[in-house]
Protein backbone atom coordinates (compact mmCIF):
# COMPACT_ATOMS: atom_id res chain seq x y z
CA MET A 1 1.29 23.37 76.92
CA SER A 2 -0.06 20.37 75.02
CA PRO A 3 1.54 16.91 75.46
CA GLY A 4 2.62 16.90 71.80
CA LEU A 5 4.47 20.20 72.13
CA ARG A 6 6.10 19.08 75.37
CA LYS A 7 7.29 15.89 73.69
CA ARG A 8 8.80 17.81 70.77
CA ILE A 9 10.62 20.14 73.17
CA TRP A 10 12.17 17.22 75.05
CA ILE A 11 13.28 15.57 71.80
CA GLY A 12 14.85 18.81 70.56
CA ALA A 13 16.66 19.33 73.86
CA ALA A 14 18.03 15.77 73.79
CA VAL A 15 19.29 16.23 70.22
CA LEU A 16 21.00 19.49 71.15
CA ILE A 17 22.71 17.89 74.13
CA VAL A 18 24.01 14.97 72.05
CA VAL A 19 25.21 17.25 69.25
CA GLY A 20 26.84 19.61 71.74
CA ALA A 21 28.65 16.77 73.49
CA GLY A 22 29.90 15.46 70.16
CA LEU A 23 31.18 18.87 69.07
CA TRP A 24 32.90 19.38 72.42
CA TRP A 25 34.61 15.99 72.10
CA LEU A 26 35.79 16.76 68.56
CA LEU A 27 37.02 20.29 69.29
CA SER A 28 38.66 19.58 72.64
CA GLY A 29 40.53 16.44 71.55
CA GLU A 30 44.22 16.28 70.73
CA TYR A 31 45.10 14.60 67.46
CA VAL A 32 48.39 12.90 66.68
CA ASP A 33 49.39 11.59 63.27
CA GLU A 34 50.46 7.99 63.66
CA SER A 35 51.17 5.49 60.92
CA VAL A 36 49.27 2.26 61.39
CA PRO A 37 50.74 -0.71 59.49
CA TRP A 38 48.15 -2.47 57.38
CA PRO A 39 49.83 -5.17 55.31
CA THR A 40 48.57 -6.31 51.94
CA ASN A 41 49.08 -9.91 53.04
CA PRO A 42 46.03 -10.75 55.20
CA ALA A 43 47.88 -13.65 56.83
CA LEU A 44 49.97 -11.14 58.79
CA THR A 45 46.84 -10.06 60.69
CA THR A 46 45.23 -13.50 61.09
CA GLU A 47 48.23 -15.76 61.76
CA ARG A 48 50.32 -14.92 64.81
CA PHE A 49 53.48 -16.76 63.65
CA HIS A 50 53.18 -16.24 59.88
CA MET A 51 56.57 -14.52 59.57
CA ALA A 52 58.16 -17.06 61.92
CA GLY A 53 56.97 -19.91 59.70
CA ARG A 54 58.33 -18.26 56.55
CA TRP A 55 61.63 -17.50 58.28
CA LEU A 56 62.04 -21.10 59.46
CA ALA A 57 61.15 -22.43 56.01
CA ALA A 58 63.73 -20.12 54.46
CA ASN A 59 66.33 -21.64 56.78
CA GLY A 60 65.63 -25.17 55.59
CA PHE A 61 63.09 -26.39 58.14
CA GLU A 62 59.98 -28.29 57.14
CA THR A 63 57.11 -26.18 58.50
CA ARG A 64 53.36 -26.63 58.65
CA ASN A 65 50.61 -24.35 59.96
CA LEU A 66 47.95 -25.62 62.37
CA THR A 67 44.68 -23.99 63.40
CA HIS A 68 43.94 -26.34 66.30
CA LEU A 69 45.56 -29.20 68.19
CA GLN A 70 42.78 -31.78 68.06
CA ASP A 71 44.46 -33.75 65.22
CA LEU A 72 47.89 -33.67 66.80
CA ASP A 73 47.95 -37.45 67.26
CA LEU A 74 48.12 -37.88 63.47
CA LEU A 75 51.43 -35.99 63.23
CA PRO A 76 54.89 -37.45 63.94
CA ALA A 77 56.24 -36.23 67.27
CA ALA A 78 59.83 -37.47 67.33
CA GLY A 79 62.16 -34.81 65.93
CA SER A 80 59.30 -32.27 65.75
CA LEU A 81 58.84 -28.89 67.42
CA LEU A 82 55.35 -27.54 68.12
CA ILE A 83 54.91 -23.79 68.69
CA VAL A 84 51.50 -23.26 70.32
CA HIS A 85 49.38 -20.13 70.04
CA ASP A 86 48.11 -19.60 73.61
CA ASP A 87 49.92 -19.55 76.91
CA LEU A 88 50.68 -23.00 78.23
CA GLY A 89 47.74 -24.04 80.41
CA ARG A 90 45.07 -22.08 78.54
CA GLN A 91 44.31 -24.95 76.16
CA SER A 92 41.05 -26.83 76.33
CA GLU A 93 40.85 -30.23 77.97
CA ILE A 94 41.00 -32.01 74.61
CA GLU A 95 44.00 -29.99 73.47
CA THR A 96 45.76 -30.57 76.79
CA LEU A 97 45.36 -34.34 76.35
CA GLN A 98 46.71 -34.03 72.83
CA LEU A 99 49.76 -32.11 74.08
CA GLU A 100 50.40 -34.72 76.79
CA ASP A 101 50.29 -37.46 74.16
CA TRP A 102 52.58 -35.39 71.93
CA LEU A 103 55.15 -35.13 74.73
CA ASP A 104 54.84 -38.82 75.59
CA ARG A 105 55.72 -39.61 71.98
CA GLY A 106 58.91 -37.53 72.20
CA GLY A 107 57.73 -34.21 70.82
CA HIS A 108 58.97 -30.75 71.76
CA VAL A 109 56.60 -27.93 72.75
CA LEU A 110 57.52 -24.23 72.62
CA ALA A 111 55.02 -21.95 74.38
CA THR A 112 54.67 -18.77 76.38
CA ALA A 113 54.56 -19.26 80.12
CA PRO A 114 51.21 -18.41 81.75
CA LEU A 115 50.65 -15.29 83.81
CA SER A 116 50.82 -15.75 87.57
CA SER A 117 47.09 -14.95 87.87
CA GLY A 118 46.29 -17.73 85.39
CA LEU A 119 47.92 -20.58 87.32
CA SER A 120 45.52 -23.22 88.56
CA GLU A 121 45.93 -25.90 91.19
CA ARG A 122 46.59 -28.58 88.58
CA VAL A 123 48.70 -27.67 85.56
CA PRO A 124 49.72 -30.99 83.97
CA LEU A 125 52.02 -29.43 81.37
CA ASN A 126 53.64 -27.01 83.83
CA PRO A 127 54.41 -29.09 86.94
CA HIS A 128 57.05 -26.64 88.18
CA ARG A 129 54.53 -23.76 88.14
CA ILE A 130 56.67 -21.44 86.05
CA TYR A 131 54.96 -18.18 85.13
CA ARG A 132 55.88 -15.04 83.23
CA CYS A 133 56.11 -11.57 84.67
CA PRO A 134 55.71 -8.93 81.93
CA PHE A 135 56.69 -5.93 84.08
CA CYS A 136 59.13 -7.35 86.60
CA LEU A 137 62.01 -5.18 85.30
CA ILE A 138 60.01 -2.14 84.32
CA ASP A 139 61.32 -0.12 87.28
CA THR A 140 64.90 -1.45 87.21
CA ARG A 141 67.39 1.38 87.07
CA ASP A 142 70.71 -0.48 87.07
CA ASN A 143 72.28 -1.58 83.81
CA ASP A 144 69.54 0.01 81.69
CA GLU A 145 70.43 0.58 78.08
CA GLU A 146 68.94 3.20 75.89
CA PRO A 147 67.43 2.09 72.59
CA ASP A 148 69.68 2.17 69.57
CA ALA A 149 69.87 5.24 67.38
CA ALA A 150 67.49 3.62 64.92
CA ASP A 151 64.83 3.60 67.63
CA ASP A 152 65.20 7.19 68.77
CA ASP A 153 61.96 8.16 67.04
CA ASP A 154 60.05 5.76 69.29
CA ALA A 155 61.16 6.50 72.82
CA GLN A 156 58.09 4.79 74.30
CA GLN A 157 59.27 1.33 73.26
CA PRO A 158 60.39 -1.00 76.10
CA LYS A 159 64.01 -1.40 77.10
CA TYR A 160 66.16 -4.34 76.07
CA GLN A 161 67.73 -7.42 77.56
CA ARG A 162 70.63 -9.34 76.08
CA TRP A 163 71.12 -13.07 75.82
CA ARG A 164 74.54 -14.56 75.19
CA VAL A 165 74.49 -17.49 72.73
CA ALA A 166 77.85 -19.05 71.81
CA GLU A 167 80.07 -16.17 70.67
CA SER A 168 77.29 -13.68 70.04
CA GLU A 169 75.04 -11.59 72.22
CA LEU A 170 71.40 -11.37 71.06
CA LYS A 171 69.16 -8.47 72.00
CA LEU A 172 65.56 -9.02 73.20
CA ARG A 173 63.13 -6.14 73.09
CA SER A 174 61.25 -6.56 76.35
CA LEU A 175 61.76 -6.60 80.12
CA ALA A 176 59.59 -9.68 80.66
CA THR A 177 61.02 -12.50 82.78
CA LEU A 178 60.13 -15.98 84.00
CA GLU A 179 59.48 -16.59 87.68
CA ALA A 180 58.86 -19.61 89.87
CA GLU A 181 58.42 -20.23 93.59
CA THR A 182 61.36 -22.62 93.50
CA TRP A 183 63.58 -23.56 90.55
CA PRO A 184 64.16 -27.33 90.54
CA ALA A 185 67.48 -28.65 89.35
CA GLU A 186 65.86 -30.48 86.42
CA VAL A 187 64.72 -27.17 84.88
CA GLN A 188 67.30 -25.73 82.49
CA ARG A 189 67.29 -21.95 82.74
CA PHE A 190 68.59 -19.35 80.29
CA PHE A 191 69.56 -15.98 81.79
CA SER A 192 69.75 -12.52 80.27
CA ASP A 193 72.46 -9.99 81.01
CA ARG A 194 70.24 -8.77 83.88
CA GLU A 195 70.58 -12.17 85.57
CA ARG A 196 66.90 -12.92 85.08
CA VAL A 197 65.41 -16.06 83.54
CA ILE A 198 64.00 -15.49 80.05
CA PHE A 199 63.75 -19.10 78.82
CA ALA A 200 63.20 -22.35 80.71
CA ARG A 201 63.29 -25.93 79.46
CA TYR A 202 62.38 -29.15 81.22
CA ALA A 203 61.62 -32.75 80.32
CA GLN A 204 58.00 -33.90 80.19
CA GLY A 205 57.28 -37.53 79.38
CA SER A 206 59.60 -38.55 76.56
CA GLY A 207 59.70 -34.99 75.19
CA GLN A 208 60.49 -31.56 76.49
CA VAL A 209 58.84 -28.18 77.02
CA THR A 210 60.43 -24.79 76.40
CA LEU A 211 58.79 -21.74 77.99
CA ILE A 212 59.52 -18.19 76.91
CA ALA A 213 58.78 -14.93 78.70
CA GLU A 214 57.31 -12.97 75.77
CA TRP A 215 55.38 -14.35 72.77
CA ARG A 216 55.97 -11.14 70.81
CA TRP A 217 59.57 -12.21 70.27
CA LEU A 218 58.14 -14.66 67.74
CA GLY A 219 55.21 -12.54 66.53
CA ASN A 220 54.89 -10.92 63.11
CA TRP A 221 55.42 -7.31 64.18
CA GLU A 222 58.35 -7.97 66.54
CA LEU A 223 60.19 -10.76 64.75
CA LEU A 224 62.40 -8.41 62.72
CA ALA A 225 63.03 -6.07 65.64
CA ALA A 226 66.27 -6.36 67.60
CA ASP A 227 67.66 -9.92 67.23
CA HIS A 228 64.37 -11.81 67.51
CA ALA A 229 64.84 -13.70 64.24
CA ALA A 230 68.16 -15.06 65.52
CA ILE A 231 66.53 -15.91 68.84
CA LEU A 232 63.93 -18.03 67.02
CA LEU A 233 66.66 -20.07 65.35
CA ALA A 234 68.55 -20.42 68.64
CA LEU A 235 65.47 -21.94 70.30
CA VAL A 236 65.26 -24.71 67.71
CA ASP A 237 67.34 -27.77 68.59
CA GLU A 238 69.77 -29.25 66.12
CA GLY A 239 67.84 -32.52 65.90
CA THR A 240 64.59 -30.85 64.89
CA ASP A 241 63.37 -31.91 61.45
CA ARG A 242 59.81 -30.56 61.41
CA ILE A 243 58.23 -27.50 62.97
CA TYR A 244 54.46 -27.09 63.47
CA LEU A 245 53.07 -23.62 64.20
CA GLN A 246 49.61 -23.14 65.67
CA GLN A 247 48.69 -19.89 63.97
CA ARG A 248 45.25 -19.42 65.52
CA ALA A 249 43.52 -20.34 68.77
CA GLY A 250 40.30 -22.31 68.67
CA GLY A 251 38.92 -25.77 68.30
CA GLY A 252 38.18 -27.61 65.10
CA GLY A 253 34.89 -28.36 63.40
CA LEU A 254 32.69 -26.88 60.71
CA LEU A 255 31.26 -24.06 62.84
CA THR A 256 34.72 -22.89 63.89
CA TRP A 257 35.90 -22.95 60.28
CA LEU A 258 32.87 -20.96 59.10
CA TRP A 259 33.41 -18.40 61.84
CA ARG A 260 37.08 -17.95 60.90
CA GLN A 261 36.20 -17.46 57.23
CA SER A 262 33.88 -14.52 57.78
CA PRO A 263 33.36 -13.42 61.40
CA LEU A 264 31.80 -10.09 60.37
CA LEU A 265 29.14 -11.82 58.26
CA TRP A 266 28.08 -14.09 61.09
CA SER A 267 28.10 -11.21 63.56
CA LEU A 268 25.73 -9.24 61.32
CA ALA A 269 23.55 -12.33 60.85
CA ALA A 270 23.30 -12.77 64.62
CA LEU A 271 22.41 -9.09 65.00
CA LEU A 272 19.69 -9.35 62.36
CA LEU A 273 18.33 -12.48 64.06
CA ALA A 274 18.19 -10.65 67.39
CA VAL A 275 16.36 -7.71 65.77
CA TRP A 276 13.89 -10.10 64.13
CA ILE A 277 13.19 -11.86 67.44
CA TRP A 278 12.75 -8.49 69.13
CA SER A 279 10.27 -7.42 66.43
CA LYS A 280 8.14 -10.49 67.15
CA LEU A 281 7.92 -9.91 70.88
CA VAL A 282 4.90 -8.24 72.44
CA ARG A 283 5.87 -4.77 73.62
CA LEU A 284 3.41 -3.24 76.06
CA GLY A 285 4.59 0.10 77.36
CA PRO A 286 3.02 2.43 79.94
CA VAL A 287 -0.44 3.86 79.40
CA LEU A 288 -0.08 7.13 77.50
CA GLU A 289 -2.21 10.20 77.99
CA GLU A 290 -4.72 10.88 75.27
CA ASP A 291 -3.38 13.30 72.71
CA THR A 292 -6.23 15.66 71.99
CA SER A 293 -4.33 17.27 69.13
CA GLN A 294 -4.69 14.11 67.04
CA SER A 295 -7.98 12.44 66.26
CA LEU A 296 -8.30 8.97 64.80
CA GLN A 297 -11.40 7.63 63.17
CA PHE A 298 -13.08 4.70 64.88
CA ARG A 299 -12.42 2.61 61.78
CA GLU A 300 -8.67 3.26 62.06
CA GLN A 301 -8.66 2.25 65.71
CA LEU A 302 -10.60 -0.90 64.91
CA LEU A 303 -8.24 -1.82 62.10
CA ALA A 304 -5.23 -1.20 64.34
CA SER A 305 -6.71 -3.48 67.02
CA ALA A 306 -7.43 -6.14 64.40
CA ARG A 307 -3.85 -5.98 63.09
CA PHE A 308 -2.47 -6.24 66.61
CA ASP A 309 -4.74 -9.23 67.38
CA TRP A 310 -3.83 -11.00 64.15
CA ARG A 311 -0.09 -10.36 64.52
CA HIS A 312 0.23 -11.72 68.05
CA ASN A 313 -2.40 -14.49 68.29
CA ARG A 314 -3.76 -14.96 64.77
CA GLY A 315 -7.15 -13.49 65.73
CA ARG A 316 -7.77 -16.12 68.40
CA GLN A 317 -9.18 -13.63 70.89
CA LEU A 318 -11.48 -12.11 68.28
CA LEU A 319 -12.68 -15.56 67.24
CA LEU A 320 -13.47 -16.47 70.85
CA ALA A 321 -15.38 -13.21 71.32
CA LEU A 322 -17.49 -13.84 68.19
CA ARG A 323 -18.20 -17.41 69.32
CA GLU A 324 -19.38 -16.14 72.69
CA THR A 325 -21.70 -13.61 71.05
CA GLN A 326 -23.14 -16.30 68.77
CA ARG A 327 -23.72 -18.64 71.69
CA GLU A 328 -25.62 -16.04 73.68
CA ARG A 329 -27.89 -15.10 70.76
CA LEU A 330 -28.51 -18.72 69.72
CA LEU A 331 -29.40 -19.71 73.30
CA ARG A 332 -32.06 -16.99 73.29
CA ARG A 333 -33.52 -18.34 70.04
CA TYR A 334 -32.96 -22.02 70.79
CA PRO A 335 -32.81 -22.72 74.58
CA ASP A 336 -31.73 -26.33 73.93
CA TRP A 337 -28.76 -25.27 71.75
CA ARG A 338 -26.21 -26.79 74.14
CA GLN A 339 -27.95 -30.20 74.13
CA ILE A 340 -28.58 -30.69 70.41
CA ASP A 341 -26.07 -32.41 68.19
CA ARG A 342 -24.10 -30.97 65.28
CA ALA A 343 -26.61 -32.06 62.61
CA ALA A 344 -29.44 -30.31 64.38
CA ARG A 345 -27.37 -27.18 64.76
CA LEU A 346 -26.66 -27.18 61.01
CA LYS A 347 -30.41 -27.44 60.30
CA HIS A 348 -31.13 -24.41 62.51
CA LEU A 349 -28.38 -22.39 60.83
CA ALA A 350 -29.61 -23.41 57.38
CA ARG A 351 -33.05 -22.02 58.18
CA LEU A 352 -31.54 -18.78 59.49
CA CYS A 353 -29.15 -18.36 56.53
CA PRO A 354 -30.79 -20.12 53.56
CA ASP A 355 -28.43 -18.61 50.98
CA LEU A 356 -25.38 -20.34 52.54
CA SER A 357 -24.40 -23.87 51.52
CA GLU A 358 -24.14 -26.75 53.94
CA ASP A 359 -20.37 -26.94 53.50
CA THR A 360 -20.02 -23.24 54.32
CA LEU A 361 -22.09 -23.60 57.49
CA ALA A 362 -20.16 -26.71 58.51
CA TRP A 363 -16.90 -24.77 58.07
CA PHE A 364 -18.38 -21.91 60.11
CA ILE A 365 -19.25 -24.23 63.00
CA ASP A 366 -16.01 -26.24 63.00
CA LEU A 367 -13.52 -23.37 62.59
CA GLU A 368 -11.21 -23.19 65.64
CA THR A 369 -8.02 -21.54 64.39
CA LEU A 370 -7.40 -19.05 61.59
CA ASP A 371 -4.59 -19.74 59.14
CA GLN A 372 -5.15 -16.85 56.72
CA PRO A 373 -6.58 -13.34 57.03
CA ARG A 374 -9.14 -14.26 54.36
CA GLN A 375 -10.68 -16.84 56.69
CA LEU A 376 -11.28 -14.16 59.30
CA THR A 377 -13.03 -11.99 56.71
CA ASP A 378 -15.34 -14.84 55.63
CA PHE A 379 -16.08 -15.76 59.23
CA VAL A 380 -17.02 -12.19 60.17
CA ARG A 381 -19.26 -11.90 57.09
CA ILE A 382 -21.20 -15.08 58.02
CA HIS A 383 -21.31 -13.96 61.64
CA GLN A 384 -22.81 -10.63 60.65
CA GLN A 385 -25.46 -12.36 58.51
CA LEU A 386 -26.32 -14.69 61.38
CA MET A 387 -26.65 -11.82 63.83
CA HIS A 388 -29.13 -10.08 61.48
CA ALA A 389 -31.18 -13.30 61.28
CA LEU A 390 -31.23 -13.71 65.06
């Protein structure tokens, strides 16, 4: 069996295996029709608190969207509520300093408590080390309530907790809770009907921080579920005049803005750049056995070698080889070739190649690097003429 036939057999076998695996995956899979919401408003997919901002504005609050916190010192803090995008403690060092200054100026911060695994030794904005536990009540059997009749078609949704506010009882669609090693007296806690902490508030500097157990209560897709819209209004103090919502996570600057405008475009550009760099790298694989079924002319092999040499080192190796050949032949003809100066060498070459001008011979002697393929052609032509004369 020839190497070419063996190679084609292996390729065919690999294609059959891949196609067979794909068919098996398609035929053995179980398909379920599920409606995926895809809103016509793109802000619902790019801004976490878009609906919350519109709901607060509809209720008379002055709202403003933020993409980062690095310009927070330019905004008034007194009488203002800031709803941050990430869990408290996941901000960068610059954003953390901005939040500390915001609180020192009397601002109010509303954020999701960090996960227990994300707590560090020093959390300046969370000195009481309060963390959220998303699944602390997932196995609780007592006092469980079934979803309302409107939610019977989605039995996989999480159970509910209730939070009593004034004369009403608001329903929260999650079993997440807030936990702490010890609850200091200066931390104001809000309990659900399951006697678990769901909100916590404490003073920080001249302002205050409110931590919640589940950010989805304020998110676009969950805001209209249960009583989450009412919960959002209940978390806003009476003295709040302005509300700032950090809709996206990330720092400021031109590069960040460009990335947010078209992340797919820049991802494709980076991929194309990587492919271009890969195409310029020298790829030397293992030595292959000679394929006797294919025969290449010597001219084709020579041209392929020349293209490879020009592509990777601009013909530098070929130029050095031609120079070495010239030196050996000239030393045979002129034993003192190494000792004579450039003018004498030009005179010798002019006698050997009388049809070439002095400028051409000077270029031939002084050429060290090739900038264009045409230069290599001219150099080889003069070299061949010189070899015939020697």
